[in-house]
Amino acid sequence: MKEKPPTSSIGRKPRVFYLTQADIYPPTITMFVNDPSMFDPSYQRYLMNRFREMLPFAEVPIKLVIRAREREELSDKSRGPTATTARRAAPTSPRAR
């Protein structure tokens, strides 16, 4: 994707957060992105061809699923550790007592 990033006409940059192989029959690759509508069919076809080149699935049909990352995932990661978690994780030294 670094070679040919997706283009956008609305001024926002399409982002891929992560990929995962969701199934094996057929091999299903799920991409979690900021906005699935930014990945047009021609770019999806480009990705499928790159996956075929890089993965050992030359003769096997590959299914590509593009999903938006859920808001709940975003809010959990942006909050960071809570005060109680940070307190428990802090190392204690014998001299501090």
Foldseek 3Di string as FASTA:
>chain_A
DVVDAQDDDPPDGKDWPDWDQPDVVPTEIETAIQDVVSCDPVNVVVVLVVCCVVDVQVPGDYHYHYHYDDPVVVVVVVVPDDPVVVVVPDDDDPVVD
